[in-house]
C-alpha atoms as a PDB file:
ATOM      1  CA  MET A   1      -5.483 -18.897 -13.333  1.00  0.00           C
ATOM      2  CA  GLY A   2      -8.114 -16.197 -13.742  1.00  0.00           C
ATOM      3  CA  ASN A   3      -6.152 -13.732 -11.597  1.00  0.00           C
ATOM      4  CA  LYS A   4      -5.211 -10.558 -13.357  1.00  0.00           C
ATOM      5  CA  ASN A   5      -1.573  -9.639 -13.425  1.00  0.00           C
ATOM      6  CA  SER A   6      -1.111  -6.323 -11.583  1.00  0.00           C
ATOM      7  CA  ARG A   7       0.724  -4.950 -14.618  1.00  0.00           C
ATOM      8  CA  SER A   8      -2.403  -5.326 -16.736  1.00  0.00           C
ATOM      9  CA  ARG A   9      -4.490  -3.205 -14.358  1.00  0.00           C
ATOM     10  CA  ARG A  10      -5.011   0.469 -15.062  1.00  0.00           C
ATOM     11  CA  TYR A  11      -5.763   2.864 -12.250  1.00  0.00           C
ATOM     12  CA  SER A  12      -7.271   6.300 -12.722  1.00  0.00           C
ATOM     13  CA  GLU A  13      -5.170   9.346 -12.018  1.00  0.00           C
ATOM     14  CA  GLU A  14      -7.623  10.241  -9.248  1.00  0.00           C
ATOM     15  CA  PHE A  15      -7.117   6.843  -7.579  1.00  0.00           C
ATOM     16  CA  LYS A  16      -3.330   7.224  -7.785  1.00  0.00           C
ATOM     17  CA  ARG A  17      -3.499  10.772  -6.388  1.00  0.00           C
ATOM     18  CA  ASP A  18      -5.702   9.642  -3.503  1.00  0.00           C
ATOM     19  CA  ALA A  19      -3.449   6.664  -2.767  1.00  0.00           C
ATOM     20  CA  VAL A  20      -0.365   8.896  -2.645  1.00  0.00           C
ATOM     21  CA  ALA A  21      -2.182  11.374  -0.399  1.00  0.00           C
ATOM     22  CA  LEU A  22      -3.128   8.512   1.919  1.00  0.00           C
ATOM     23  CA  VAL A  23       0.527   7.469   2.204  1.00  0.00           C
ATOM     24  CA  HIS A  24       1.561  11.039   3.032  1.00  0.00           C
ATOM     25  CA  SER A  25      -1.243  11.741   5.488  1.00  0.00           C
ATOM     26  CA  SER A  26      -1.589   8.430   7.294  1.00  0.00           C
ATOM     27  CA  GLY A  27       1.931   7.941   8.613  1.00  0.00           C
ATOM     28  CA  ARG A  28       1.719   4.316   7.503  1.00  0.00           C
ATOM     29  CA  THR A  29       4.180   2.567   5.250  1.00  0.00           C
ATOM     30  CA  VAL A  30       3.678   2.232   1.527  1.00  0.00           C
ATOM     31  CA  ALA A  31       3.317  -1.531   1.955  1.00  0.00           C
ATOM     32  CA  GLU A  32       0.534  -1.122   4.536  1.00  0.00           C
ATOM     33  CA  VAL A  33      -1.423   1.334   2.400  1.00  0.00           C
ATOM     34  CA  ALA A  34      -0.907  -0.789  -0.715  1.00  0.00           C
ATOM     35  CA  ARG A  35      -2.204  -3.874   1.065  1.00  0.00           C
ATOM     36  CA  GLU A  36      -5.270  -1.946   2.274  1.00  0.00           C
ATOM     37  CA  LEU A  37      -6.019  -0.619  -1.232  1.00  0.00           C
ATOM     38  CA  GLY A  38      -5.316  -3.896  -3.001  1.00  0.00           C
ATOM     39  CA  VAL A  39      -2.499  -2.567  -5.182  1.00  0.00           C
ATOM     40  CA  SER A  40       1.074  -3.717  -5.401  1.00  0.00           C
ATOM     41  CA  ALA A  41       3.515  -1.989  -3.072  1.00  0.00           C
ATOM     42  CA  GLU A  42       5.845  -1.475  -6.038  1.00  0.00           C
ATOM     43  CA  ASP A  43       3.154   0.401  -8.003  1.00  0.00           C
ATOM     44  CA  LEU A  44       2.296   2.607  -5.023  1.00  0.00           C
ATOM     45  CA  ARG A  45       5.981   3.259  -4.318  1.00  0.00           C
ATOM     46  CA  ASN A  46       6.424   4.369  -7.948  1.00  0.00           C
ATOM     47  CA  TRP A  47       3.400   6.680  -7.698  1.00  0.00           C
ATOM     48  CA  VAL A  48       4.788   8.262  -4.523  1.00  0.00           C
ATOM     49  CA  LYS A  49       8.199   8.727  -6.155  1.00  0.00           C
ATOM     50  CA  GLN A  50       6.663  10.294  -9.278  1.00  0.00           C
ATOM     51  CA  ASP A  51       4.604  12.624  -7.088  1.00  0.00           C
ATOM     52  CA  THR A  52       7.802  13.738  -5.375  1.00  0.00           C
ATOM     53  CA  VAL A  53       9.403  14.465  -8.763  1.00  0.00           C
ATOM     54  CA  ASP A  54       6.285  16.283 -10.002  1.00  0.00           C
ATOM     55  CA  ARG A  55       6.416  18.559  -6.943  1.00  0.00           C
ATOM     56  CA  GLY A  56       9.988  19.525  -7.850  1.00  0.00           C
ATOM     57  CA  GLN A  57      11.626  17.516  -5.073  1.00  0.00           C
ATOM     58  CA  GLY A  58      13.130  14.751  -7.183  1.00  0.00           C
ATOM     59  CA  ALA A  59      16.743  14.130  -8.015  1.00  0.00           C
ATOM     60  CA  PRO A  60      18.300  16.234 -10.776  1.00  0.00           C
ATOM     61  CA  GLY A  61      17.513  14.819 -14.201  1.00  0.00           C
ATOM     62  CA  GLU A  62      14.337  12.985 -13.186  1.00  0.00           C
ATOM     63  CA  LEU A  63      11.436  13.726 -15.530  1.00  0.00           C
ATOM     64  CA  THR A  64       8.122  15.092 -14.346  1.00  0.00           C
ATOM     65  CA  SER A  65       4.910  13.505 -15.587  1.00  0.00           C
ATOM     66  CA  ALA A  66       4.410  16.417 -17.984  1.00  0.00           C
ATOM     67  CA  GLU A  67       7.923  15.967 -19.402  1.00  0.00           C
ATOM     68  CA  ARG A  68       7.360  12.218 -19.806  1.00  0.00           C
ATOM     69  CA  GLU A  69       4.091  12.827 -21.642  1.00  0.00           C
ATOM     70  CA  GLU A  70       5.763  15.355 -23.957  1.00  0.00           C
ATOM     71  CA  LEU A  71       8.474  12.819 -24.808  1.00  0.00           C
ATOM     72  CA  ARG A  72       5.824  10.171 -25.533  1.00  0.00           C
ATOM     73  CA  ARG A  73       4.018  12.611 -27.812  1.00  0.00           C
ATOM     74  CA  GLN A  74       7.234  13.434 -29.665  1.00  0.00           C
ATOM     75  CA  ASN A  75       8.050   9.731 -30.021  1.00  0.00           C
ATOM     76  CA  ARG A  76       4.598   9.042 -31.499  1.00  0.00           C
ATOM     77  CA  GLU A  77       5.039  11.885 -33.979  1.00  0.00           C
ATOM     78  CA  GLN A  78       8.485  10.619 -34.979  1.00  0.00           C
ATOM     79  CA  ALA A  79       7.165   7.074 -35.407  1.00  0.00           C
ATOM     80  CA  GLU A  80       4.399   8.386 -37.666  1.00  0.00           C
ATOM     81  CA  THR A  81       6.903  10.398 -39.709  1.00  0.00           C
ATOM     82  CA  ILE A  82       9.186   7.385 -40.072  1.00  0.00           C
ATOM     83  CA  GLU A  83       6.242   5.255 -41.228  1.00  0.00           C
ATOM     84  CA  VAL A  84       5.283   7.842 -43.879  1.00  0.00           C
ATOM     85  CA  LEU A  85       8.886   8.021 -45.086  1.00  0.00           C
ATOM     86  CA  ARG A  86       9.135   4.220 -45.171  1.00  0.00           C
ATOM     87  CA  LYS A  87       5.985   3.981 -47.282  1.00  0.00           C
ATOM     88  CA  ALA A  88       7.244   6.731 -49.578  1.00  0.00           C
ATOM     89  CA  ALA A  89      10.567   4.939 -50.015  1.00  0.00           C
ATOM     90  CA  VAL A  90       8.748   1.706 -50.954  1.00  0.00           C
ATOM     91  CA  PHE A  91       6.491   3.608 -53.358  1.00  0.00           C
ATOM     92  CA  PHE A  92       9.360   5.343 -55.134  1.00  0.00           C
ATOM     93  CA  ALA A  93      11.718   2.352 -55.155  1.00  0.00           C
END
């Protein structure tokens, strides 16, 4: 019961980068490398896919990490603006 769910784990960007490099350089499958590193194969597969997109080799329309972060930033700003407007509407109502 004390096992952590893999979704609750956070890995450093350096760890992810090294794991992806190991997949590319070792000639082993994602599942083999994931098992060796103690991460889920699905997480490692996603990191490898995102690395491919970040290097400009993804499918058209896929967002790079930088584009994803910019969208998150914009969403946070919009949420803050909406909250201010909501409070103002309550104040002036």
